[in-house]
């Protein structure tokens, strides 16, 4: 659940694109998992390189706590093969990316989750 300062104004009770979202933020993996004890989001955005735990570890723990949760990874790593090996088929945005690309990725991820629940 990464909402670094430069993404924090794009996500949350604020907006991604034209849509408002409720968001909790964490900068450390352990903090993200603590948040999931009380906050049950439809999806999480996880930077692969977080303090304490990597994004794949956070995603695994999040899925154990919130089965069916959607996950969107973001990363500045250029080695996509190693990254794909760690995160599997989950959507991935490569940093840097424009706000519109984040908005589309969030909406697509949430739409896919909704369609799977039908």
PDB file of N, CA and C in Angstrom:
ATOM      1  N   UNK A   1       0.851  -1.153   0.000  1.00  0.00           N
ATOM      2  CA  UNK A   1       0.000   0.000   0.000  1.00  0.00           C
ATOM      3  C   UNK A   1       0.893   1.210   0.000  1.00  0.00           C
ATOM      4  N   UNK A   2       1.351   1.573  -1.137  1.00  0.00           N
ATOM      5  CA  UNK A   2       2.298   2.670  -1.206  1.00  0.00           C
ATOM      6  C   UNK A   2       1.622   3.893  -1.753  1.00  0.00           C
ATOM      7  N   UNK A   3       1.649   4.916  -0.995  1.00  0.00           N
ATOM      8  CA  UNK A   3       1.183   6.211  -1.446  1.00  0.00           C
ATOM      9  C   UNK A   3       2.265   7.192  -1.057  1.00  0.00           C
ATOM     10  N   UNK A   4       3.356   7.165  -1.751  1.00  0.00           N
ATOM     11  CA  UNK A   4       4.435   8.097  -1.462  1.00  0.00           C
ATOM     12  C   UNK A   4       3.907   9.508  -1.613  1.00  0.00           C
ATOM     13  N   UNK A   5       4.601  10.443  -1.046  1.00  0.00           N
ATOM     14  CA  UNK A   5       4.111  11.823  -1.036  1.00  0.00           C
ATOM     15  C   UNK A   5       3.676  12.290  -2.413  1.00  0.00           C
ATOM     16  N   UNK A   6       4.400  11.922  -3.446  1.00  0.00           N
ATOM     17  CA  UNK A   6       4.020  12.426  -4.761  1.00  0.00           C
ATOM     18  C   UNK A   6       2.793  11.730  -5.330  1.00  0.00           C
ATOM     19  N   UNK A   7       2.410  10.568  -4.780  1.00  0.00           N
ATOM     20  CA  UNK A   7       1.181   9.897  -5.210  1.00  0.00           C
ATOM     21  C   UNK A   7       0.036  10.191  -4.263  1.00  0.00           C
ATOM     22  N   UNK A   8       0.361  10.629  -3.066  1.00  0.00           N
ATOM     23  CA  UNK A   8      -0.660  10.868  -2.055  1.00  0.00           C
ATOM     24  C   UNK A   8      -1.716  11.858  -2.489  1.00  0.00           C
ATOM     25  N   UNK A   9      -1.351  12.813  -3.333  1.00  0.00           N
ATOM     26  CA  UNK A   9      -2.345  13.784  -3.789  1.00  0.00           C
ATOM     27  C   UNK A   9      -3.168  13.248  -4.952  1.00  0.00           C
ATOM     28  N   UNK A  10      -2.847  12.072  -5.437  1.00  0.00           N
ATOM     29  CA  UNK A  10      -3.580  11.478  -6.553  1.00  0.00           C
ATOM     30  C   UNK A  10      -4.571  10.413  -6.084  1.00  0.00           C
ATOM     31  N   UNK A  11      -4.337   9.883  -4.896  1.00  0.00           N
ATOM     32  CA  UNK A  11      -5.110   8.746  -4.409  1.00  0.00           C
ATOM     33  C   UNK A  11      -5.777   9.121  -3.104  1.00  0.00           C
ATOM     34  N   UNK A  12      -6.929   8.527  -2.844  1.00  0.00           N
ATOM     35  CA  UNK A  12      -7.464   8.646  -1.522  1.00  0.00           C
ATOM     36  C   UNK A  12      -8.785   9.332  -1.476  1.00  0.00           C
ATOM     37  N   UNK A  13      -9.032   9.919  -0.324  1.00  0.00           N
ATOM     38  CA  UNK A  13     -10.249  10.687  -0.187  1.00  0.00           C
ATOM     39  C   UNK A  13     -10.166  11.790  -1.229  1.00  0.00           C
ATOM     40  N   UNK A  14      -8.978  11.947  -1.766  1.00  0.00           N
ATOM     41  CA  UNK A  14      -8.801  12.851  -2.894  1.00  0.00           C
ATOM     42  C   UNK A  14      -9.261  12.081  -4.130  1.00  0.00           C
ATOM     43  N   UNK A  15      -8.580  12.174  -5.222  1.00  0.00           N
ATOM     44  CA  UNK A  15      -9.100  11.523  -6.419  1.00  0.00           C
ATOM     45  C   UNK A  15      -8.005  10.891  -7.260  1.00  0.00           C
ATOM     46  N   UNK A  16      -8.391   9.850  -7.973  1.00  0.00           N
ATOM     47  CA  UNK A  16      -7.591   9.285  -9.046  1.00  0.00           C
ATOM     48  C   UNK A  16      -8.414   9.563 -10.279  1.00  0.00           C
ATOM     49  N   UNK A  17      -7.927  10.411 -11.130  1.00  0.00           N
ATOM     50  CA  UNK A  17      -8.746  10.849 -12.252  1.00  0.00           C
ATOM     51  C   UNK A  17      -9.886  11.666 -11.687  1.00  0.00           C
ATOM     52  N   UNK A  18     -11.099  11.377 -12.086  1.00  0.00           N
ATOM     53  CA  UNK A  18     -12.258  12.140 -11.618  1.00  0.00           C
ATOM     54  C   UNK A  18     -13.019  11.408 -10.518  1.00  0.00           C
ATOM     55  N   UNK A  19     -12.477  10.307 -10.008  1.00  0.00           N
ATOM     56  CA  UNK A  19     -13.217   9.488  -9.054  1.00  0.00           C
ATOM     57  C   UNK A  19     -12.609   9.562  -7.655  1.00  0.00           C
ATOM     58  N   UNK A  20     -13.437   9.752  -6.631  1.00  0.00           N
ATOM     59  CA  UNK A  20     -12.908   9.766  -5.266  1.00  0.00           C
ATOM     60  C   UNK A  20     -12.737   8.340  -4.733  1.00  0.00           C
ATOM     61  N   UNK A  21     -11.707   8.146  -3.920  1.00  0.00           N
ATOM     62  CA  UNK A  21     -11.460   6.861  -3.279  1.00  0.00           C
ATOM     63  C   UNK A  21     -11.102   7.102  -1.818  1.00  0.00           C
ATOM     64  N   UNK A  22     -11.522   6.195  -0.960  1.00  0.00           N
ATOM     65  CA  UNK A  22     -11.086   6.223   0.434  1.00  0.00           C
ATOM     66  C   UNK A  22      -9.760   5.479   0.504  1.00  0.00           C
ATOM     67  N   UNK A  23      -8.790   6.087   1.153  1.00  0.00           N
ATOM     68  CA  UNK A  23      -7.439   5.523   1.158  1.00  0.00           C
ATOM     69  C   UNK A  23      -6.820   5.601   2.541  1.00  0.00           C
ATOM     70  N   UNK A  24      -6.065   4.591   2.873  1.00  0.00           N
ATOM     71  CA  UNK A  24      -5.152   4.618   4.013  1.00  0.00           C
ATOM     72  C   UNK A  24      -3.760   4.482   3.434  1.00  0.00           C
ATOM     73  N   UNK A  25      -2.801   5.138   4.056  1.00  0.00           N
ATOM     74  CA  UNK A  25      -1.438   5.133   3.542  1.00  0.00           C
ATOM     75  C   UNK A  25      -0.475   4.500   4.533  1.00  0.00           C
ATOM     76  N   UNK A  26       0.543   3.847   4.001  1.00  0.00           N
ATOM     77  CA  UNK A  26       1.613   3.277   4.816  1.00  0.00           C
ATOM     78  C   UNK A  26       2.914   3.383   4.038  1.00  0.00           C
ATOM     79  N   UNK A  27       3.992   3.640   4.747  1.00  0.00           N
ATOM     80  CA  UNK A  27       5.292   3.698   4.084  1.00  0.00           C
ATOM     81  C   UNK A  27       6.121   2.453   4.369  1.00  0.00           C
ATOM     82  N   UNK A  28       5.720   1.674   5.362  1.00  0.00           N
ATOM     83  CA  UNK A  28       6.401   0.420   5.694  1.00  0.00           C
ATOM     84  C   UNK A  28       5.426  -0.734   5.510  1.00  0.00           C
ATOM     85  N   UNK A  29       5.948  -1.864   5.076  1.00  0.00           N
ATOM     86  CA  UNK A  29       5.101  -3.025   4.855  1.00  0.00           C
ATOM     87  C   UNK A  29       4.338  -3.463   6.082  1.00  0.00           C
ATOM     88  N   UNK A  30       5.004  -3.485   7.224  1.00  0.00           N
ATOM     89  CA  UNK A  30       4.345  -3.907   8.457  1.00  0.00           C
ATOM     90  C   UNK A  30       3.189  -2.972   8.808  1.00  0.00           C
ATOM     91  N   UNK A  31       3.375  -1.678   8.557  1.00  0.00           N
ATOM     92  CA  UNK A  31       2.312  -0.706   8.824  1.00  0.00           C
ATOM     93  C   UNK A  31       1.113  -0.951   7.911  1.00  0.00           C
ATOM     94  N   UNK A  32       1.385  -1.312   6.670  1.00  0.00           N
ATOM     95  CA  UNK A  32       0.307  -1.602   5.729  1.00  0.00           C
ATOM     96  C   UNK A  32      -0.540  -2.769   6.235  1.00  0.00           C
ATOM     97  N   UNK A  33       0.115  -3.786   6.751  1.00  0.00           N
ATOM     98  CA  UNK A  33      -0.616  -4.954   7.245  1.00  0.00           C
ATOM     99  C   UNK A  33      -1.395  -4.629   8.513  1.00  0.00           C
ATOM    100  N   UNK A  34      -0.871  -3.763   9.332  1.00  0.00           N
ATOM    101  CA  UNK A  34      -1.595  -3.323  10.522  1.00  0.00           C
ATOM    102  C   UNK A  34      -2.872  -2.596  10.117  1.00  0.00           C
ATOM    103  N   UNK A  35      -2.767  -1.763   9.105  1.00  0.00           N
ATOM    104  CA  UNK A  35      -3.943  -1.031   8.603  1.00  0.00           C
ATOM    105  C   UNK A  35      -5.024  -2.008   8.145  1.00  0.00           C
ATOM    106  N   UNK A  36      -4.622  -3.124   7.529  1.00  0.00           N
ATOM    107  CA  UNK A  36      -5.591  -4.091   7.008  1.00  0.00           C
ATOM    108  C   UNK A  36      -6.385  -4.791   8.105  1.00  0.00           C
ATOM    109  N   UNK A  37      -5.964  -4.648   9.341  1.00  0.00           N
ATOM    110  CA  UNK A  37      -6.744  -5.224  10.437  1.00  0.00           C
ATOM    111  C   UNK A  37      -8.081  -4.504  10.598  1.00  0.00           C
ATOM    112  N   UNK A  38      -8.108  -3.208  10.270  1.00  0.00           N
ATOM    113  CA  UNK A  38      -9.324  -2.403  10.441  1.00  0.00           C
ATOM    114  C   UNK A  38      -9.913  -1.877   9.142  1.00  0.00           C
ATOM    115  N   UNK A  39      -9.107  -1.741   8.134  1.00  0.00           N
ATOM    116  CA  UNK A  39      -9.520  -1.146   6.862  1.00  0.00           C
ATOM    117  C   UNK A  39      -9.505  -2.246   5.815  1.00  0.00           C
ATOM    118  N   UNK A  40     -10.641  -2.542   5.224  1.00  0.00           N
ATOM    119  CA  UNK A  40     -10.755  -3.617   4.229  1.00  0.00           C
ATOM    120  C   UNK A  40     -10.962  -3.007   2.841  1.00  0.00           C
ATOM    121  N   UNK A  41      -9.887  -2.680   2.169  1.00  0.00           N
ATOM    122  CA  UNK A  41     -10.014  -2.029   0.861  1.00  0.00           C
ATOM    123  C   UNK A  41     -10.371  -3.030  -0.234  1.00  0.00           C
ATOM    124  N   UNK A  42     -10.864  -2.500  -1.333  1.00  0.00           N
ATOM    125  CA  UNK A  42     -11.116  -3.326  -2.515  1.00  0.00           C
ATOM    126  C   UNK A  42      -9.813  -3.666  -3.216  1.00  0.00           C
ATOM    127  N   UNK A  43      -8.829  -2.769  -3.080  1.00  0.00           N
ATOM    128  CA  UNK A  43      -7.526  -3.024  -3.691  1.00  0.00           C
ATOM    129  C   UNK A  43      -6.447  -2.310  -2.905  1.00  0.00           C
ATOM    130  N   UNK A  44      -5.216  -2.767  -3.108  1.00  0.00           N
ATOM    131  CA  UNK A  44      -4.071  -2.067  -2.554  1.00  0.00           C
ATOM    132  C   UNK A  44      -3.089  -1.772  -3.683  1.00  0.00           C
ATOM    133  N   UNK A  45      -2.398  -0.679  -3.514  1.00  0.00           N
ATOM    134  CA  UNK A  45      -1.325  -0.305  -4.430  1.00  0.00           C
ATOM    135  C   UNK A  45      -0.038  -0.494  -3.649  1.00  0.00           C
ATOM    136  N   UNK A  46       0.824  -1.339  -4.148  1.00  0.00           N
ATOM    137  CA  UNK A  46       2.028  -1.715  -3.421  1.00  0.00           C
ATOM    138  C   UNK A  46       3.259  -1.419  -4.260  1.00  0.00           C
ATOM    139  N   UNK A  47       4.166  -0.641  -3.668  1.00  0.00           N
ATOM    140  CA  UNK A  47       5.462  -0.457  -4.317  1.00  0.00           C
ATOM    141  C   UNK A  47       6.288  -1.685  -4.007  1.00  0.00           C
ATOM    142  N   UNK A  48       6.949  -2.231  -4.995  1.00  0.00           N
ATOM    143  CA  UNK A  48       7.721  -3.448  -4.758  1.00  0.00           C
ATOM    144  C   UNK A  48       8.827  -3.204  -3.733  1.00  0.00           C
ATOM    145  N   UNK A  49       9.415  -2.025  -3.741  1.00  0.00           N
ATOM    146  CA  UNK A  49      10.514  -1.718  -2.817  1.00  0.00           C
ATOM    147  C   UNK A  49       9.995  -0.859  -1.667  1.00  0.00           C
ATOM    148  N   UNK A  50       9.510  -1.515  -0.637  1.00  0.00           N
ATOM    149  CA  UNK A  50       9.061  -0.795   0.562  1.00  0.00           C
ATOM    150  C   UNK A  50      10.001  -1.119   1.711  1.00  0.00           C
ATOM    151  N   UNK A  51       9.973  -0.287   2.722  1.00  0.00           N
ATOM    152  CA  UNK A  51      10.788  -0.533   3.910  1.00  0.00           C
ATOM    153  C   UNK A  51      10.233  -1.725   4.675  1.00  0.00           C
ATOM    154  N   UNK A  52      11.124  -2.575   5.137  1.00  0.00           N
ATOM    155  CA  UNK A  52      10.713  -3.689   5.992  1.00  0.00           C
ATOM    156  C   UNK A  52      10.363  -4.963   5.254  1.00  0.00           C
ATOM    157  N   UNK A  53       9.453  -4.888   4.333  1.00  0.00           N
ATOM    158  CA  UNK A  53       9.019  -6.052   3.549  1.00  0.00           C
ATOM    159  C   UNK A  53       8.977  -5.614   2.093  1.00  0.00           C
ATOM    160  N   UNK A  54       9.193  -6.558   1.177  1.00  0.00           N
ATOM    161  CA  UNK A  54       9.024  -6.163  -0.220  1.00  0.00           C
ATOM    162  C   UNK A  54       7.556  -6.311  -0.616  1.00  0.00           C
ATOM    163  N   UNK A  55       7.216  -5.776  -1.756  1.00  0.00           N
ATOM    164  CA  UNK A  55       5.833  -5.763  -2.205  1.00  0.00           C
ATOM    165  C   UNK A  55       5.209  -7.142  -2.350  1.00  0.00           C
ATOM    166  N   UNK A  56       6.001  -8.116  -2.785  1.00  0.00           N
ATOM    167  CA  UNK A  56       5.472  -9.477  -2.937  1.00  0.00           C
ATOM    168  C   UNK A  56       5.097 -10.057  -1.576  1.00  0.00           C
ATOM    169  N   UNK A  57       5.909  -9.784  -0.550  1.00  0.00           N
ATOM    170  CA  UNK A  57       5.604 -10.267   0.801  1.00  0.00           C
ATOM    171  C   UNK A  57       4.345  -9.598   1.342  1.00  0.00           C
ATOM    172  N   UNK A  58       4.219  -8.315   1.088  1.00  0.00           N
ATOM    173  CA  UNK A  58       3.025  -7.594   1.532  1.00  0.00           C
ATOM    174  C   UNK A  58       1.789  -8.150   0.842  1.00  0.00           C
ATOM    175  N   UNK A  59       1.887  -8.368  -0.463  1.00  0.00           N
ATOM    176  CA  UNK A  59       0.747  -8.875  -1.223  1.00  0.00           C
ATOM    177  C   UNK A  59       0.314 -10.252  -0.711  1.00  0.00           C
ATOM    178  N   UNK A  60       1.260 -11.117  -0.449  1.00  0.00           N
ATOM    179  CA  UNK A  60       0.940 -12.453   0.061  1.00  0.00           C
ATOM    180  C   UNK A  60       0.218 -12.351   1.399  1.00  0.00           C
ATOM    181  N   UNK A  61       0.748 -11.552   2.308  1.00  0.00           N
ATOM    182  CA  UNK A  61       0.116 -11.390   3.620  1.00  0.00           C
ATOM    183  C   UNK A  61      -1.253 -10.720   3.498  1.00  0.00           C
ATOM    184  N   UNK A  62      -1.371  -9.745   2.607  1.00  0.00           N
ATOM    185  CA  UNK A  62      -2.656  -9.055   2.412  1.00  0.00           C
ATOM    186  C   UNK A  62      -3.708 -10.020   1.887  1.00  0.00           C
ATOM    187  N   UNK A  63      -3.324 -10.888   0.964  1.00  0.00           N
ATOM    188  CA  UNK A  63      -4.285 -11.857   0.413  1.00  0.00           C
ATOM    189  C   UNK A  63      -4.714 -12.877   1.461  1.00  0.00           C
ATOM    190  N   UNK A  64      -3.833 -13.172   2.403  1.00  0.00           N
ATOM    191  CA  UNK A  64      -4.215 -14.086   3.484  1.00  0.00           C
ATOM    192  C   UNK A  64      -5.224 -13.411   4.412  1.00  0.00           C
ATOM    193  N   UNK A  65      -5.056 -12.116   4.644  1.00  0.00           N
ATOM    194  CA  UNK A  65      -5.956 -11.377   5.534  1.00  0.00           C
ATOM    195  C   UNK A  65      -7.238 -10.952   4.846  1.00  0.00           C
ATOM    196  N   UNK A  66      -7.152 -10.666   3.556  1.00  0.00           N
ATOM    197  CA  UNK A  66      -8.300 -10.163   2.793  1.00  0.00           C
ATOM    198  C   UNK A  66      -8.401 -10.946   1.486  1.00  0.00           C
ATOM    199  N   UNK A  67      -8.890 -12.181   1.549  1.00  0.00           N
ATOM    200  CA  UNK A  67      -8.994 -12.972   0.310  1.00  0.00           C
ATOM    201  C   UNK A  67      -9.781 -12.207  -0.759  1.00  0.00           C
ATOM    202  N   UNK A  68      -9.310 -12.275  -1.973  1.00  0.00           N
ATOM    203  CA  UNK A  68      -9.987 -11.608  -3.079  1.00  0.00           C
ATOM    204  C   UNK A  68      -9.571 -10.166  -3.294  1.00  0.00           C
ATOM    205  N   UNK A  69      -8.686  -9.639  -2.452  1.00  0.00           N
ATOM    206  CA  UNK A  69      -8.248  -8.252  -2.604  1.00  0.00           C
ATOM    207  C   UNK A  69      -7.481  -8.084  -3.924  1.00  0.00           C
ATOM    208  N   UNK A  70      -7.733  -7.001  -4.596  1.00  0.00           N
ATOM    209  CA  UNK A  70      -6.999  -6.695  -5.831  1.00  0.00           C
ATOM    210  C   UNK A  70      -5.704  -5.989  -5.462  1.00  0.00           C
ATOM    211  N   UNK A  71      -4.676  -6.257  -6.233  1.00  0.00           N
ATOM    212  CA  UNK A  71      -3.372  -5.658  -5.961  1.00  0.00           C
ATOM    213  C   UNK A  71      -2.817  -5.053  -7.241  1.00  0.00           C
ATOM    214  N   UNK A  72      -2.357  -3.834  -7.129  1.00  0.00           N
ATOM    215  CA  UNK A  72      -1.675  -3.142  -8.214  1.00  0.00           C
ATOM    216  C   UNK A  72      -0.270  -2.838  -7.723  1.00  0.00           C
ATOM    217  N   UNK A  73       0.725  -3.358  -8.414  1.00  0.00           N
ATOM    218  CA  UNK A  73       2.110  -3.096  -8.054  1.00  0.00           C
ATOM    219  C   UNK A  73       2.627  -1.903  -8.828  1.00  0.00           C
ATOM    220  N   UNK A  74       3.478  -1.138  -8.164  1.00  0.00           N
ATOM    221  CA  UNK A  74       4.234  -0.100  -8.863  1.00  0.00           C
ATOM    222  C   UNK A  74       5.700  -0.334  -8.536  1.00  0.00           C
ATOM    223  N   UNK A  75       6.562   0.004  -9.483  1.00  0.00           N
ATOM    224  CA  UNK A  75       7.979  -0.229  -9.245  1.00  0.00           C
ATOM    225  C   UNK A  75       8.835   0.624 -10.151  1.00  0.00           C
ATOM    226  N   UNK A  76       9.978   1.000  -9.638  1.00  0.00           N
ATOM    227  CA  UNK A  76      10.980   1.694 -10.428  1.00  0.00           C
ATOM    228  C   UNK A  76      12.056   0.747 -10.916  1.00  0.00           C
ATOM    229  N   UNK A  77      11.963  -0.533 -10.543  1.00  0.00           N
ATOM    230  CA  UNK A  77      12.950  -1.515 -10.997  1.00  0.00           C
ATOM    231  C   UNK A  77      12.826  -1.718 -12.496  1.00  0.00           C
ATOM    232  N   UNK A  78      13.965  -1.830 -13.145  1.00  0.00           N
ATOM    233  CA  UNK A  78      13.928  -2.016 -14.594  1.00  0.00           C
ATOM    234  C   UNK A  78      13.950  -3.491 -14.987  1.00  0.00           C
ATOM    235  N   UNK A  79      14.292  -4.378 -14.066  1.00  0.00           N
ATOM    236  CA  UNK A  79      14.362  -5.799 -14.376  1.00  0.00           C
ATOM    237  C   UNK A  79      12.977  -6.434 -14.252  1.00  0.00           C
ATOM    238  N   UNK A  80      12.191  -6.292 -15.313  1.00  0.00           N
ATOM    239  CA  UNK A  80      10.801  -6.759 -15.293  1.00  0.00           C
ATOM    240  C   UNK A  80      10.676  -8.266 -15.118  1.00  0.00           C
ATOM    241  N   UNK A  81      11.633  -9.038 -15.655  1.00  0.00           N
ATOM    242  CA  UNK A  81      11.541 -10.498 -15.524  1.00  0.00           C
ATOM    243  C   UNK A  81      11.620 -10.937 -14.068  1.00  0.00           C
ATOM    244  N   UNK A  82      12.571 -10.384 -13.319  1.00  0.00           N
ATOM    245  CA  UNK A  82      12.683 -10.732 -11.900  1.00  0.00           C
ATOM    246  C   UNK A  82      11.445 -10.276 -11.143  1.00  0.00           C
ATOM    247  N   UNK A  83      10.977  -9.110 -11.477  1.00  0.00           N
ATOM    248  CA  UNK A  83       9.792  -8.572 -10.823  1.00  0.00           C
ATOM    249  C   UNK A  83       8.580  -9.449 -11.110  1.00  0.00           C
ATOM    250  N   UNK A  84       8.377  -9.816 -12.354  1.00  0.00           N
ATOM    251  CA  UNK A  84       7.250 -10.685 -12.731  1.00  0.00           C
ATOM    252  C   UNK A  84       7.330 -12.011 -12.000  1.00  0.00           C
ATOM    253  N   UNK A  85       8.541 -12.536 -11.834  1.00  0.00           N
ATOM    254  CA  UNK A  85       8.699 -13.787 -11.110  1.00  0.00           C
ATOM    255  C   UNK A  85       8.213 -13.671  -9.676  1.00  0.00           C
ATOM    256  N   UNK A  86       8.368 -12.498  -9.097  1.00  0.00           N
ATOM    257  CA  UNK A  86       7.972 -12.286  -7.705  1.00  0.00           C
ATOM    258  C   UNK A  86       6.492 -11.959  -7.554  1.00  0.00           C
ATOM    259  N   UNK A  87       5.916 -11.254  -8.515  1.00  0.00           N
ATOM    260  CA  UNK A  87       4.533 -10.793  -8.343  1.00  0.00           C
ATOM    261  C   UNK A  87       3.524 -11.562  -9.173  1.00  0.00           C
ATOM    262  N   UNK A  88       3.982 -12.389 -10.084  1.00  0.00           N
ATOM    263  CA  UNK A  88       3.059 -13.171 -10.897  1.00  0.00           C
ATOM    264  C   UNK A  88       2.317 -12.319 -11.909  1.00  0.00           C
ATOM    265  N   UNK A  89       1.023 -12.566 -12.052  1.00  0.00           N
ATOM    266  CA  UNK A  89       0.221 -11.916 -13.092  1.00  0.00           C
ATOM    267  C   UNK A  89      -0.420 -10.607 -12.637  1.00  0.00           C
ATOM    268  N   UNK A  90      -0.122 -10.159 -11.428  1.00  0.00           N
ATOM    269  CA  UNK A  90      -0.729  -8.919 -10.931  1.00  0.00           C
ATOM    270  C   UNK A  90      -0.327  -7.745 -11.818  1.00  0.00           C
ATOM    271  N   UNK A  91      -1.207  -6.777 -11.970  1.00  0.00           N
ATOM    272  CA  UNK A  91      -0.878  -5.598 -12.782  1.00  0.00           C
ATOM    273  C   UNK A  91       0.318  -4.848 -12.210  1.00  0.00           C
ATOM    274  N   UNK A  92       1.112  -4.262 -13.100  1.00  0.00           N
ATOM    275  CA  UNK A  92       2.326  -3.556 -12.704  1.00  0.00           C
ATOM    276  C   UNK A  92       2.453  -2.256 -13.482  1.00  0.00           C
ATOM    277  N   UNK A  93       2.658  -1.166 -12.758  1.00  0.00           N
ATOM    278  CA  UNK A  93       2.978   0.128 -13.366  1.00  0.00           C
ATOM    279  C   UNK A  93       4.438   0.414 -13.095  1.00  0.00           C
ATOM    280  N   UNK A  94       5.161   0.822 -14.128  1.00  0.00           N
ATOM    281  CA  UNK A  94       6.565   1.187 -13.972  1.00  0.00           C
ATOM    282  C   UNK A  94       6.687   2.677 -13.705  1.00  0.00           C
ATOM    283  N   UNK A  95       7.407   3.035 -12.645  1.00  0.00           N
ATOM    284  CA  UNK A  95       7.660   4.441 -12.325  1.00  0.00           C
ATOM    285  C   UNK A  95       8.766   4.962 -13.232  1.00  0.00           C
ATOM    286  N   UNK A  96       8.702   6.192 -13.581  1.00  0.00           N
ATOM    287  CA  UNK A  96       7.624   7.136 -13.305  1.00  0.00           C
ATOM    288  C   UNK A  96       6.459   6.932 -14.276  1.00  0.00           C
ATOM    289  N   UNK A  97       5.273   7.304 -13.860  1.00  0.00           N
ATOM    290  CA  UNK A  97       4.103   7.218 -14.726  1.00  0.00           C
ATOM    291  C   UNK A  97       3.258   8.462 -14.500  1.00  0.00           C
ATOM    292  N   UNK A  98       2.513   8.863 -15.525  1.00  0.00           N
ATOM    293  CA  UNK A  98       1.657  10.044 -15.378  1.00  0.00           C
ATOM    294  C   UNK A  98       0.407   9.708 -14.555  1.00  0.00           C
ATOM    295  N   UNK A  99      -0.184  10.699 -13.911  1.00  0.00           N
ATOM    296  CA  UNK A  99      -1.387  10.465 -13.101  1.00  0.00           C
ATOM    297  C   UNK A  99      -2.503   9.766 -13.879  1.00  0.00           C
ATOM    298  N   UNK A 100      -2.657  10.090 -15.149  1.00  0.00           N
ATOM    299  CA  UNK A 100      -3.723   9.461 -15.940  1.00  0.00           C
ATOM    300  C   UNK A 100      -3.507   7.957 -16.060  1.00  0.00           C
ATOM    301  N   UNK A 101      -2.268   7.522 -16.145  1.00  0.00           N
ATOM    302  CA  UNK A 101      -1.985   6.093 -16.247  1.00  0.00           C
ATOM    303  C   UNK A 101      -2.341   5.386 -14.936  1.00  0.00           C
ATOM    304  N   UNK A 102      -2.066   6.033 -13.823  1.00  0.00           N
ATOM    305  CA  UNK A 102      -2.455   5.479 -12.527  1.00  0.00           C
ATOM    306  C   UNK A 102      -3.976   5.382 -12.420  1.00  0.00           C
ATOM    307  N   UNK A 103      -4.663   6.425 -12.845  1.00  0.00           N
ATOM    308  CA  UNK A 103      -6.125   6.432 -12.794  1.00  0.00           C
ATOM    309  C   UNK A 103      -6.706   5.280 -13.604  1.00  0.00           C
ATOM    310  N   UNK A 104      -6.180   5.053 -14.796  1.00  0.00           N
ATOM    311  CA  UNK A 104      -6.664   3.964 -15.648  1.00  0.00           C
ATOM    312  C   UNK A 104      -6.371   2.611 -15.005  1.00  0.00           C
ATOM    313  N   UNK A 105      -5.188   2.452 -14.444  1.00  0.00           N
ATOM    314  CA  UNK A 105      -4.823   1.179 -13.819  1.00  0.00           C
ATOM    315  C   UNK A 105      -5.703   0.875 -12.615  1.00  0.00           C
ATOM    316  N   UNK A 106      -5.971   1.883 -11.794  1.00  0.00           N
ATOM    317  CA  UNK A 106      -6.840   1.691 -10.632  1.00  0.00           C
ATOM    318  C   UNK A 106      -8.243   1.302 -11.082  1.00  0.00           C
ATOM    319  N   UNK A 107      -8.789   2.057 -12.011  1.00  0.00           N
ATOM    320  CA  UNK A 107     -10.155   1.777 -12.493  1.00  0.00           C
ATOM    321  C   UNK A 107     -10.228   0.386 -13.131  1.00  0.00           C
ATOM    322  N   UNK A 108      -9.250   0.017 -13.952  1.00  0.00           N
ATOM    323  CA  UNK A 108      -9.248  -1.301 -14.595  1.00  0.00           C
ATOM    324  C   UNK A 108      -9.184  -2.420 -13.570  1.00  0.00           C
ATOM    325  N   UNK A 109      -8.351  -2.228 -12.561  1.00  0.00           N
ATOM    326  CA  UNK A 109      -8.208  -3.238 -11.518  1.00  0.00           C
ATOM    327  C   UNK A 109      -9.519  -3.393 -10.751  1.00  0.00           C
ATOM    328  N   UNK A 110     -10.138  -2.300 -10.383  1.00  0.00           N
ATOM    329  CA  UNK A 110     -11.414  -2.373  -9.654  1.00  0.00           C
ATOM    330  C   UNK A 110     -12.532  -2.936 -10.517  1.00  0.00           C
ATOM    331  N   UNK A 111     -12.566  -2.570 -11.789  1.00  0.00           N
ATOM    332  CA  UNK A 111     -13.577  -3.118 -12.701  1.00  0.00           C
ATOM    333  C   UNK A 111     -13.407  -4.623 -12.865  1.00  0.00           C
ATOM    334  N   UNK A 112     -12.162  -5.083 -12.976  1.00  0.00           N
ATOM    335  CA  UNK A 112     -11.911  -6.530 -13.113  1.00  0.00           C
ATOM    336  C   UNK A 112     -12.361  -7.264 -11.855  1.00  0.00           C
ATOM    337  N   UNK A 113     -12.122  -6.681 -10.707  1.00  0.00           N
ATOM    338  CA  UNK A 113     -12.555  -7.288  -9.443  1.00  0.00           C
ATOM    339  C   UNK A 113     -14.079  -7.382  -9.392  1.00  0.00           C
ATOM    340  N   UNK A 114     -14.760  -6.307  -9.795  1.00  0.00           N
ATOM    341  CA  UNK A 114     -16.234  -6.300  -9.799  1.00  0.00           C
ATOM    342  C   UNK A 114     -16.781  -7.350 -10.734  1.00  0.00           C
ATOM    343  N   UNK A 115     -16.179  -7.477 -11.914  1.00  0.00           N
ATOM    344  CA  UNK A 115     -16.642  -8.459 -12.885  1.00  0.00           C
ATOM    345  C   UNK A 115     -16.443  -9.880 -12.363  1.00  0.00           C
ATOM    346  N   UNK A 116     -15.339 -10.122 -11.664  1.00  0.00           N
ATOM    347  CA  UNK A 116     -15.073 -11.450 -11.117  1.00  0.00           C
ATOM    348  C   UNK A 116     -16.050 -11.810 -10.004  1.00  0.00           C
ATOM    349  N   UNK A 117     -16.566 -10.821  -9.302  1.00  0.00           N
ATOM    350  CA  UNK A 117     -17.503 -11.084  -8.208  1.00  0.00           C
ATOM    351  C   UNK A 117     -18.917 -11.372  -8.700  1.00  0.00           C
ATOM    352  N   UNK A 118     -19.207 -11.023  -9.932  1.00  0.00           N
ATOM    353  CA  UNK A 118     -20.573 -11.241 -10.462  1.00  0.00           C
ATOM    354  C   UNK A 118     -20.845 -12.676 -10.745  1.00  0.00           C
TER     355      UNK A 118
END
